[in-house]
Amino acid sequence: MSVLIKKPFTRREMLRGSIGGAAVAVGLPFLDCFLGESGEALASGAPLPLRFGTWFWSMGHTPNHAISPRADRLEFLEECKSLTPHAAHINYFGQFNSPLDGRPNHVHHTGWVTCRTGTAPALPGDIPAPTLDVLVADAIGSGTRFRSIDMTCTGNPRDSFTARDTHSRNAGEVSPAALYTRLFGASAASAAAGAGSGPDPDLMLQKSVLSGISEQRKRFERRLGATDRARMDEYFTSIRQLETQLSVQQQGSTLGVCKRPVAPDEGPVGLEIPVAQANHAAMTRLLAVALTCNHTRVFNMAFNNALSSLRKPGTAYTHHTLTHEEAVDRTLGYQPEAFWFNCRVMEALSDFIGVFAATREGAGTLLDNTLIFAHAETSYAKVHAVDNIPVMTIGRAGGRIKTGLHIVGNGDPISRVGLTVMQVMGLTIEKWGTGSLQTAKPISEILI
């Protein structure tokens, strides 16, 4: 008598197949069969993976119109009202400063460098130390296909804010289609073998990658329970929706959807605000799938470049220009056009958070197992201020932090936030930064 013993499930299981001779591999989300009975850990007892990412925007906030000064609660004002539905997942850090120890403020550069490296740059373009995401990736990123996934919505791969040093700045993916092909177009094995230039992205979008793994998918699903089969159906539906959206975007003017306008005479391609928004939305959804499939645990998203060359289609003024040249409306008390751009940026951040919050994982969501470090490069763009740069953490970091708090720094160095997030991510680091930015004092108010 023989007994059929089912092959055990492993977290590294992938569905593999081919399309047009190109190998394809589709990772799997965290199904119940990979988890323990509580749905809060892997079946082996190991916790669900913790992810870390950054989200960058430039031009800061409009003073007195973004967040309430009250320290007893987190209250977003009109510029940031789109973040209100996610306030329970956010910590906002205000009144933290960037002491430069006599070094000049290299506008639209010094601010983001101090936030990410804990050191004031001596020269324009100087990145004097690894950015904190690189340090986190060194600690947690080696066990995945990609140490990190870096994206920028500007059309220029150099508009990223992650670097080992001045001379090794990480390039960002600018195209959702290219990001899709990188993540889902070829298996790791074929990539390692150096098979040509990889699959044709047009073919990959014309014929669903799911068609290449249909038989293995059927065999795999026969081994699942009802809950996991439903989750797999939801997961594959989301992949197909992404493929359809990318196909529509590639057709562009043919369908009249998400048209890419003619590149302006000055500035990088892709900085018209509707284009940046559309690319951001598509790459965000791809990123969420990549994270749930454990392709990476570290990511960086830049919504605009440090000078914010964002513009409305058909207009001459950029967001950056408006912050300096637009008159302050006496009734409103702010620059209405610059304010409009700031609102659109916060809406993009809200959409980013929303995708993470809607992505199921175990007993919770992807956002529950993620820590996002979001910040600008100035507090008030009109005067290039680098004190009180807006900084937020988003997500519960696997239950390691409290959220929904407004932390007032009272002039403490902004590097305290960076030190705190690195310690939350498990780095054995007791102090961080240099000069007056050096700190050994994490922000205990958010720690559990």
Protein backbone atom coordinates (compact mmCIF):
# COMPACT_ATOMS: atom_id res chain seq x y z
CA MET A 1 0.00 0.00 0.00
CA SER A 2 1.38 3.38 -0.91
CA VAL A 3 0.58 6.68 0.74
CA LEU A 4 0.59 9.90 -1.26
CA ILE A 5 2.41 12.58 0.69
CA LYS A 6 1.83 16.09 -0.58
CA LYS A 7 4.92 18.10 -1.33
CA PRO A 8 5.20 20.80 1.36
CA PHE A 9 4.79 24.43 0.39
CA THR A 10 7.81 26.72 0.60
CA ARG A 11 7.90 30.50 0.71
CA ARG A 12 10.33 30.54 -2.22
CA GLU A 13 7.93 28.68 -4.52
CA MET A 14 7.38 30.38 -7.89
CA LEU A 15 5.25 29.55 -10.91
CA ARG A 16 7.40 29.26 -14.02
CA GLY A 17 6.67 29.04 -17.74
CA SER A 18 7.52 30.70 -21.04
CA ILE A 19 6.11 33.15 -23.59
CA GLY A 20 7.53 33.21 -27.08
CA GLY A 21 10.64 31.39 -25.93
CA ALA A 22 11.26 33.83 -23.07
CA ALA A 23 11.27 32.38 -19.56
CA VAL A 24 8.82 33.91 -17.13
CA ALA A 25 8.49 33.47 -13.40
CA VAL A 26 5.69 34.75 -11.16
CA GLY A 27 6.28 35.04 -7.44
CA LEU A 28 3.53 34.28 -4.96
CA PRO A 29 2.00 36.43 -2.23
CA PHE A 30 2.00 35.38 1.43
CA LEU A 31 -0.72 32.72 1.33
CA ASP A 32 -2.16 31.12 4.46
CA CYS A 33 -0.30 27.91 3.62
CA PHE A 34 2.98 29.80 4.08
CA LEU A 35 1.87 31.28 7.41
CA GLY A 36 1.32 30.10 10.94
CA GLU A 37 -2.15 29.63 12.39
CA SER A 38 -2.41 33.25 13.53
CA GLY A 39 -1.57 34.65 10.07
CA GLU A 40 1.04 36.92 11.67
CA ALA A 41 4.15 34.86 10.96
CA LEU A 42 5.52 32.35 8.49
CA ALA A 43 4.77 28.68 9.09
CA SER A 44 8.36 28.22 10.25
CA GLY A 45 7.72 30.69 13.07
CA ALA A 46 9.73 33.47 11.43
CA PRO A 47 7.95 36.84 11.32
CA LEU A 48 6.57 38.24 8.09
CA PRO A 49 9.33 40.23 6.36
CA LEU A 50 9.72 43.87 7.30
CA ARG A 51 10.10 46.34 4.43
CA PHE A 52 11.62 49.78 4.33
CA GLY A 53 11.20 52.50 1.78
CA THR A 54 11.52 56.20 1.16
CA TRP A 55 9.20 58.65 -0.60
CA PHE A 56 10.65 61.99 -1.66
CA TRP A 57 9.00 65.21 -2.68
CA SER A 58 10.38 68.73 -3.08
CA MET A 59 9.20 72.27 -2.28
CA GLY A 60 8.11 71.38 1.25
CA HIS A 61 4.85 72.79 2.60
CA THR A 62 2.97 76.06 2.66
CA PRO A 63 3.47 77.48 6.18
CA ASN A 64 0.38 77.31 8.38
CA HIS A 65 -1.64 75.46 5.75
CA ALA A 66 -0.28 71.90 5.92
CA ILE A 67 -0.40 70.69 9.51
CA SER A 68 -1.81 72.04 12.74
CA PRO A 69 0.86 73.25 15.20
CA ARG A 70 -0.89 71.41 18.02
CA ALA A 71 1.44 68.86 19.56
CA ASP A 72 -1.29 66.85 21.29
CA ARG A 73 -2.69 65.38 18.08
CA LEU A 74 -1.93 64.89 14.39
CA GLU A 75 -4.20 67.15 12.37
CA PHE A 76 -3.68 67.79 8.66
CA LEU A 77 -4.82 71.12 7.20
CA GLU A 78 -6.04 71.94 3.69
CA GLU A 79 -2.76 71.35 1.81
CA CYS A 80 -2.48 67.87 3.32
CA LYS A 81 -6.17 67.04 3.70
CA SER A 82 -5.74 64.07 1.34
CA LEU A 83 -3.59 62.42 4.05
CA THR A 84 -6.35 62.61 6.68
CA PRO A 85 -7.80 59.12 5.90
CA HIS A 86 -4.35 57.66 6.61
CA ALA A 87 -3.51 59.75 9.70
CA ALA A 88 -3.68 56.69 11.97
CA HIS A 89 -0.74 55.19 10.03
CA ILE A 90 1.43 58.35 9.98
CA ASN A 91 3.84 60.07 12.36
CA TYR A 92 4.69 63.68 11.51
CA PHE A 93 7.93 65.22 12.76
CA GLY A 94 7.94 69.01 12.97
CA GLN A 95 10.33 71.68 14.26
CA PHE A 96 13.44 69.54 13.77
CA ASN A 97 16.39 71.53 12.43
CA SER A 98 19.39 70.99 10.13
CA PRO A 99 22.44 72.69 11.72
CA LEU A 100 25.10 73.19 9.04
CA ASP A 101 28.11 74.11 11.23
CA GLY A 102 29.00 77.06 9.02
CA ARG A 103 28.61 75.20 5.73
CA PRO A 104 26.48 76.96 3.09
CA ASN A 105 22.96 75.90 2.25
CA HIS A 106 23.23 74.49 -1.26
CA VAL A 107 19.61 75.05 -2.14
CA HIS A 108 17.43 72.04 -2.96
CA HIS A 109 20.37 69.75 -2.14
CA THR A 110 21.53 70.35 1.42
CA GLY A 111 18.12 69.61 2.92
CA TRP A 112 17.60 66.13 1.51
CA VAL A 113 21.23 65.16 2.08
CA THR A 114 21.08 66.05 5.79
CA CYS A 115 17.82 64.11 6.16
CA ARG A 116 19.24 60.98 4.50
CA THR A 117 22.92 61.01 5.55
CA GLY A 118 23.02 62.94 8.83
CA THR A 119 25.80 65.12 7.39
CA ALA A 120 25.72 68.57 5.78
CA PRO A 121 27.29 68.53 2.29
CA ALA A 122 30.33 70.73 1.78
CA LEU A 123 29.81 71.32 -1.95
CA PRO A 124 26.90 71.33 -4.41
CA GLY A 125 26.20 67.75 -5.43
CA ASP A 126 28.22 66.32 -2.53
CA ILE A 127 26.78 63.21 -0.87
CA PRO A 128 29.21 62.74 2.03
CA ALA A 129 27.89 59.43 3.41
CA PRO A 130 25.60 56.56 2.39
CA THR A 131 21.93 57.43 2.45
CA LEU A 132 20.02 55.60 5.16
CA ASP A 133 18.13 53.41 2.69
CA VAL A 134 21.47 52.02 1.48
CA LEU A 135 22.43 51.14 5.05
CA VAL A 136 19.08 49.43 5.58
CA ALA A 137 19.44 47.55 2.27
CA ASP A 138 22.90 46.35 3.36
CA ALA A 139 21.25 44.85 6.44
CA ILE A 140 18.03 43.32 5.04
CA GLY A 141 18.23 43.39 1.24
CA SER A 142 20.67 40.62 0.39
CA GLY A 143 18.21 37.73 0.54
CA THR A 144 15.92 38.98 -2.24
CA ARG A 145 16.23 39.25 -6.02
CA PHE A 146 16.82 43.00 -5.80
CA ARG A 147 18.68 44.72 -3.00
CA SER A 148 16.39 47.67 -3.63
CA ILE A 149 13.97 48.97 -6.25
CA ASP A 150 14.46 52.65 -7.05
CA MET A 151 11.87 54.64 -9.01
CA THR A 152 11.44 58.22 -10.13
CA CYS A 153 8.42 59.84 -11.77
CA THR A 154 10.36 62.57 -13.58
CA GLY A 155 11.56 60.77 -16.70
CA ASN A 156 15.19 61.23 -15.64
CA PRO A 157 16.87 58.25 -13.91
CA ARG A 158 19.31 60.57 -12.12
CA ASP A 159 16.46 62.20 -10.24
CA SER A 160 16.84 59.78 -7.36
CA PHE A 161 17.89 60.35 -3.77
CA THR A 162 19.68 57.15 -2.89
CA ALA A 163 23.46 56.82 -3.07
CA ARG A 164 26.48 55.10 -1.57
CA ASP A 165 28.44 58.32 -2.01
CA THR A 166 28.81 61.28 -4.40
CA HIS A 167 30.05 59.09 -7.23
CA SER A 168 27.65 56.15 -6.90
CA ARG A 169 24.16 57.57 -7.01
CA ASN A 170 21.57 54.89 -7.73
CA ALA A 171 19.56 55.38 -10.91
CA GLY A 172 15.79 55.24 -10.72
CA GLU A 173 13.44 53.34 -13.01
CA VAL A 174 11.39 55.90 -14.95
CA SER A 175 9.04 53.70 -17.01
CA PRO A 176 6.31 51.44 -15.62
CA ALA A 177 6.72 49.16 -18.64
CA ALA A 178 10.47 48.80 -18.04
CA LEU A 179 9.87 48.21 -14.33
CA TYR A 180 7.29 45.54 -15.18
CA THR A 181 9.72 43.75 -17.51
CA ARG A 182 12.46 43.92 -14.92
CA LEU A 183 10.27 42.46 -12.20
CA PHE A 184 8.17 39.94 -14.10
CA GLY A 185 9.55 39.55 -17.62
CA ALA A 186 12.34 37.01 -17.16
CA SER A 187 13.24 34.44 -14.56
CA ALA A 188 16.26 34.92 -12.37
CA ALA A 189 17.81 31.87 -13.99
CA SER A 190 17.62 33.23 -17.51
CA ALA A 191 18.90 36.59 -16.33
CA ALA A 192 21.86 34.92 -14.65
CA ALA A 193 22.60 33.02 -17.84
CA GLY A 194 22.79 36.30 -19.73
CA ALA A 195 20.26 35.28 -22.35
CA GLY A 196 20.40 38.02 -24.97
CA SER A 197 18.77 41.33 -24.15
CA GLY A 198 15.75 39.75 -22.46
CA PRO A 199 12.15 39.40 -23.64
CA ASP A 200 10.45 41.97 -25.82
CA PRO A 201 8.34 44.19 -23.52
CA ASP A 202 5.80 44.72 -26.30
CA LEU A 203 5.27 40.96 -26.53
CA MET A 204 5.09 40.68 -22.74
CA LEU A 205 2.29 43.27 -22.67
CA GLN A 206 0.40 41.90 -25.66
CA LYS A 207 0.27 38.40 -24.19
CA SER A 208 -0.25 38.11 -20.47
CA VAL A 209 2.59 36.65 -18.45
CA LEU A 210 -0.10 34.59 -16.73
CA SER A 211 -0.66 32.62 -19.93
CA GLY A 212 2.88 31.30 -19.65
CA ILE A 213 2.26 29.68 -16.27
CA SER A 214 -1.37 28.57 -16.68
CA GLU A 215 -0.75 24.81 -16.36
CA GLN A 216 1.50 25.13 -13.33
CA ARG A 217 -1.01 27.53 -11.80
CA LYS A 218 -3.79 24.93 -12.12
CA ARG A 219 -1.65 22.22 -10.50
CA PHE A 220 -0.61 24.56 -7.71
CA GLU A 221 -4.15 25.74 -6.93
CA ARG A 222 -5.39 22.14 -6.59
CA ARG A 223 -3.18 21.91 -3.49
CA LEU A 224 -4.67 25.01 -1.84
CA GLY A 225 -7.54 25.58 0.52
CA ALA A 226 -10.52 27.75 -0.36
CA THR A 227 -9.13 30.90 1.28
CA ASP A 228 -5.80 30.66 -0.50
CA ARG A 229 -7.48 29.93 -3.84
CA ALA A 230 -9.53 33.12 -3.44
CA ARG A 231 -6.41 35.08 -2.56
CA MET A 232 -4.56 33.69 -5.58
CA ASP A 233 -7.44 34.71 -7.83
CA GLU A 234 -7.35 38.22 -6.36
CA TYR A 235 -3.59 38.35 -6.80
CA PHE A 236 -3.59 37.21 -10.44
CA THR A 237 -6.42 39.64 -11.18
CA SER A 238 -4.29 42.49 -9.88
CA ILE A 239 -1.38 41.40 -12.09
CA ARG A 240 -3.63 41.33 -15.16
CA GLN A 241 -5.01 44.78 -14.32
CA LEU A 242 -1.44 46.09 -14.23
CA GLU A 243 -0.69 44.48 -17.59
CA THR A 244 -3.80 46.03 -19.12
CA GLN A 245 -2.97 49.47 -17.76
CA LEU A 246 0.59 49.32 -19.06
CA SER A 247 -0.66 48.20 -22.48
CA VAL A 248 -3.04 51.15 -22.59
CA GLN A 249 -0.28 53.54 -21.55
CA GLN A 250 1.98 52.25 -24.31
CA GLN A 251 -0.74 52.88 -26.90
CA GLY A 252 -0.95 56.45 -25.61
CA SER A 253 -2.60 58.82 -28.08
CA THR A 254 -4.23 55.91 -29.95
CA LEU A 255 -6.71 55.39 -27.12
CA GLY A 256 -6.61 58.89 -25.73
CA VAL A 257 -5.74 57.56 -22.25
CA CYS A 258 -2.77 58.89 -20.27
CA LYS A 259 -1.34 60.71 -23.29
CA ARG A 260 2.34 61.59 -22.98
CA PRO A 261 2.66 65.22 -24.02
CA VAL A 262 5.43 66.53 -26.24
CA ALA A 263 8.62 67.02 -24.24
CA PRO A 264 9.13 70.67 -23.25
CA ASP A 265 12.10 72.61 -24.55
CA GLU A 266 13.62 72.69 -21.08
CA GLY A 267 13.51 70.15 -18.28
CA PRO A 268 13.42 66.35 -18.29
CA VAL A 269 10.69 64.44 -20.11
CA GLY A 270 7.79 63.32 -17.93
CA LEU A 271 7.42 66.30 -15.59
CA GLU A 272 4.00 67.38 -16.76
CA ILE A 273 1.92 66.75 -13.68
CA PRO A 274 -0.59 64.28 -15.27
CA VAL A 275 2.28 62.17 -16.62
CA ALA A 276 4.11 62.10 -13.27
CA GLN A 277 0.87 61.17 -11.50
CA ALA A 278 0.09 58.34 -13.93
CA ASN A 279 3.59 56.87 -13.82
CA HIS A 280 3.61 57.13 -10.04
CA ALA A 281 0.31 55.27 -9.77
CA ALA A 282 1.40 52.48 -12.12
CA MET A 283 4.81 52.00 -10.49
CA THR A 284 3.25 52.03 -7.02
CA ARG A 285 0.98 49.11 -7.90
CA LEU A 286 3.89 47.21 -9.44
CA LEU A 287 5.97 47.87 -6.33
CA ALA A 288 3.26 46.50 -4.05
CA VAL A 289 3.21 43.24 -6.03
CA ALA A 290 7.02 43.06 -5.97
CA LEU A 291 7.06 43.50 -2.20
CA THR A 292 4.41 40.88 -1.52
CA CYS A 293 6.33 38.50 -3.80
CA ASN A 294 9.50 39.17 -1.83
CA HIS A 295 11.38 40.40 -4.91
CA THR A 296 12.75 43.17 -2.70
CA ARG A 297 12.39 44.54 0.82
CA VAL A 298 13.77 48.03 0.20
CA PHE A 299 12.52 50.70 -2.19
CA ASN A 300 12.83 54.39 -3.03
CA MET A 301 10.21 56.50 -4.79
CA ALA A 302 10.84 60.09 -5.94
CA PHE A 303 7.71 61.93 -7.03
CA ASN A 304 9.50 65.01 -8.35
CA ASN A 305 13.05 66.25 -8.73
CA ALA A 306 14.80 68.46 -6.18
CA LEU A 307 14.01 71.62 -8.18
CA SER A 308 10.44 70.43 -8.86
CA SER A 309 10.22 71.08 -12.56
CA LEU A 310 6.63 69.84 -12.46
CA ARG A 311 4.34 71.87 -14.68
CA LYS A 312 0.79 71.90 -15.95
CA PRO A 313 0.57 70.92 -19.62
CA GLY A 314 0.67 73.99 -21.84
CA THR A 315 2.05 76.33 -19.18
CA ALA A 316 5.47 77.94 -18.96
CA TYR A 317 5.90 78.13 -15.19
CA THR A 318 7.25 75.22 -13.20
CA HIS A 319 6.33 74.43 -9.64
CA HIS A 320 9.74 75.65 -8.54
CA THR A 321 9.44 78.95 -10.39
CA LEU A 322 6.03 79.60 -8.87
CA THR A 323 7.36 79.20 -5.32
CA HIS A 324 9.67 82.17 -5.92
CA GLU A 325 7.88 84.42 -8.40
CA GLU A 326 4.17 84.01 -7.73
CA ALA A 327 2.67 86.78 -5.61
CA VAL A 328 1.14 85.88 -2.26
CA ASP A 329 -2.61 86.31 -2.40
CA ARG A 330 -3.51 88.79 0.34
CA THR A 331 -6.82 87.11 1.11
CA LEU A 332 -5.58 83.52 1.12
CA GLY A 333 -2.20 84.28 2.68
CA TYR A 334 -0.27 82.01 0.29
CA GLN A 335 0.74 81.52 -3.36
CA PRO A 336 -2.33 79.80 -4.87
CA GLU A 337 -0.65 78.16 -7.90
CA ALA A 338 2.31 76.83 -5.90
CA PHE A 339 -0.18 75.67 -3.28
CA TRP A 340 -2.08 73.76 -6.00
CA PHE A 341 1.06 71.79 -6.89
CA ASN A 342 1.75 71.03 -3.22
CA CYS A 343 -1.77 69.62 -2.91
CA ARG A 344 -1.26 67.37 -5.94
CA VAL A 345 1.98 66.04 -4.44
CA MET A 346 0.26 65.17 -1.16
CA GLU A 347 -2.52 63.46 -3.10
CA ALA A 348 0.12 61.27 -4.76
CA LEU A 349 1.53 60.37 -1.35
CA SER A 350 -1.97 59.54 -0.15
CA ASP A 351 -2.50 57.26 -3.15
CA PHE A 352 0.83 55.56 -2.44
CA ILE A 353 -0.20 54.86 1.16
CA GLY A 354 -3.62 53.69 -0.02
CA VAL A 355 -2.19 50.97 -2.24
CA PHE A 356 -0.09 49.61 0.64
CA ALA A 357 -3.08 49.77 3.00
CA ALA A 358 -5.27 47.89 0.51
CA THR A 359 -2.76 45.10 -0.14
CA ARG A 360 -3.65 42.15 2.09
CA GLU A 361 -0.87 40.24 3.80
CA GLY A 362 -1.46 37.61 6.42
CA ALA A 363 -3.87 38.90 9.05
CA GLY A 364 -3.13 42.53 8.11
CA THR A 365 -1.84 44.60 5.23
CA LEU A 366 1.42 45.38 3.49
CA LEU A 367 1.41 48.76 5.23
CA ASP A 368 1.41 47.02 8.62
CA ASN A 369 4.73 45.37 7.72
CA THR A 370 6.38 48.41 6.15
CA LEU A 371 8.12 51.55 7.35
CA ILE A 372 8.15 54.45 4.87
CA PHE A 373 10.41 57.46 5.47
CA ALA A 374 8.86 60.40 3.59
CA HIS A 375 10.36 63.86 3.45
CA ALA A 376 11.04 66.98 1.41
CA GLU A 377 14.25 68.96 0.87
CA THR A 378 13.04 72.29 2.28
CA SER A 379 10.38 73.52 4.65
CA TYR A 380 9.28 76.69 2.81
CA ALA A 381 10.51 76.74 -0.77
CA LYS A 382 10.11 80.50 -1.21
CA VAL A 383 13.05 81.13 1.14
CA HIS A 384 14.94 77.80 0.76
CA ALA A 385 14.64 77.06 4.49
CA VAL A 386 16.28 73.83 5.70
CA ASP A 387 15.02 73.99 9.29
CA ASN A 388 11.65 72.37 10.02
CA ILE A 389 11.81 70.20 6.88
CA PRO A 390 8.62 68.10 6.83
CA VAL A 391 9.36 64.45 7.63
CA MET A 392 6.92 61.59 8.16
CA THR A 393 7.08 57.92 8.93
CA ILE A 394 4.25 55.83 7.50
CA GLY A 395 3.34 52.28 8.46
CA ARG A 396 3.62 50.25 11.63
CA ALA A 397 6.91 48.49 10.86
CA GLY A 398 5.57 45.09 11.87
CA GLY A 399 4.19 46.50 15.12
CA ARG A 400 7.47 48.05 16.23
CA ILE A 401 6.25 51.64 16.40
CA LYS A 402 3.27 53.70 17.48
CA THR A 403 1.58 55.80 14.80
CA GLY A 404 -0.82 58.72 14.53
CA LEU A 405 1.51 61.06 16.42
CA HIS A 406 2.73 64.62 15.87
CA ILE A 407 6.25 64.82 17.29
CA VAL A 408 7.58 68.33 17.90
CA GLY A 409 11.39 68.46 17.86
CA ASN A 410 11.91 71.87 19.51
CA GLY A 411 14.99 72.49 17.37
CA ASP A 412 16.61 69.06 17.79
CA PRO A 413 18.64 67.78 14.79
CA ILE A 414 16.64 66.16 11.99
CA SER A 415 19.06 63.22 12.14
CA ARG A 416 17.18 61.93 15.18
CA VAL A 417 14.45 60.71 12.83
CA GLY A 418 16.92 58.87 10.61
CA LEU A 419 18.61 57.22 13.58
CA THR A 420 15.23 56.10 14.89
CA VAL A 421 14.06 54.48 11.65
CA MET A 422 17.35 52.62 11.21
CA GLN A 423 17.14 51.25 14.75
CA VAL A 424 13.51 50.24 14.14
CA MET A 425 14.70 48.35 11.06
CA GLY A 426 17.11 46.39 13.24
CA LEU A 427 20.42 48.11 12.51
CA THR A 428 22.86 47.93 15.42
CA ILE A 429 23.70 51.61 15.28
CA GLU A 430 24.06 53.67 18.46
CA LYS A 431 24.75 57.06 16.93
CA TRP A 432 24.49 58.62 13.50
CA GLY A 433 25.54 61.78 11.72
CA THR A 434 28.46 64.18 12.03
CA GLY A 435 29.07 67.56 13.63
CA SER A 436 25.98 69.16 15.14
CA LEU A 437 23.84 66.63 13.28
CA GLN A 438 25.38 63.71 15.15
CA THR A 439 22.91 62.14 17.56
CA ALA A 440 22.60 59.11 19.81
CA LYS A 441 19.03 59.98 20.83
CA PRO A 442 16.26 58.08 19.06
CA ILE A 443 12.70 59.38 19.24
CA SER A 444 11.38 57.23 22.05
CA GLU A 445 7.83 58.59 21.80
CA ILE A 446 7.11 56.38 18.78
CA LEU A 447 8.90 53.23 19.95
CA ILE A 448 7.09 50.23 21.39
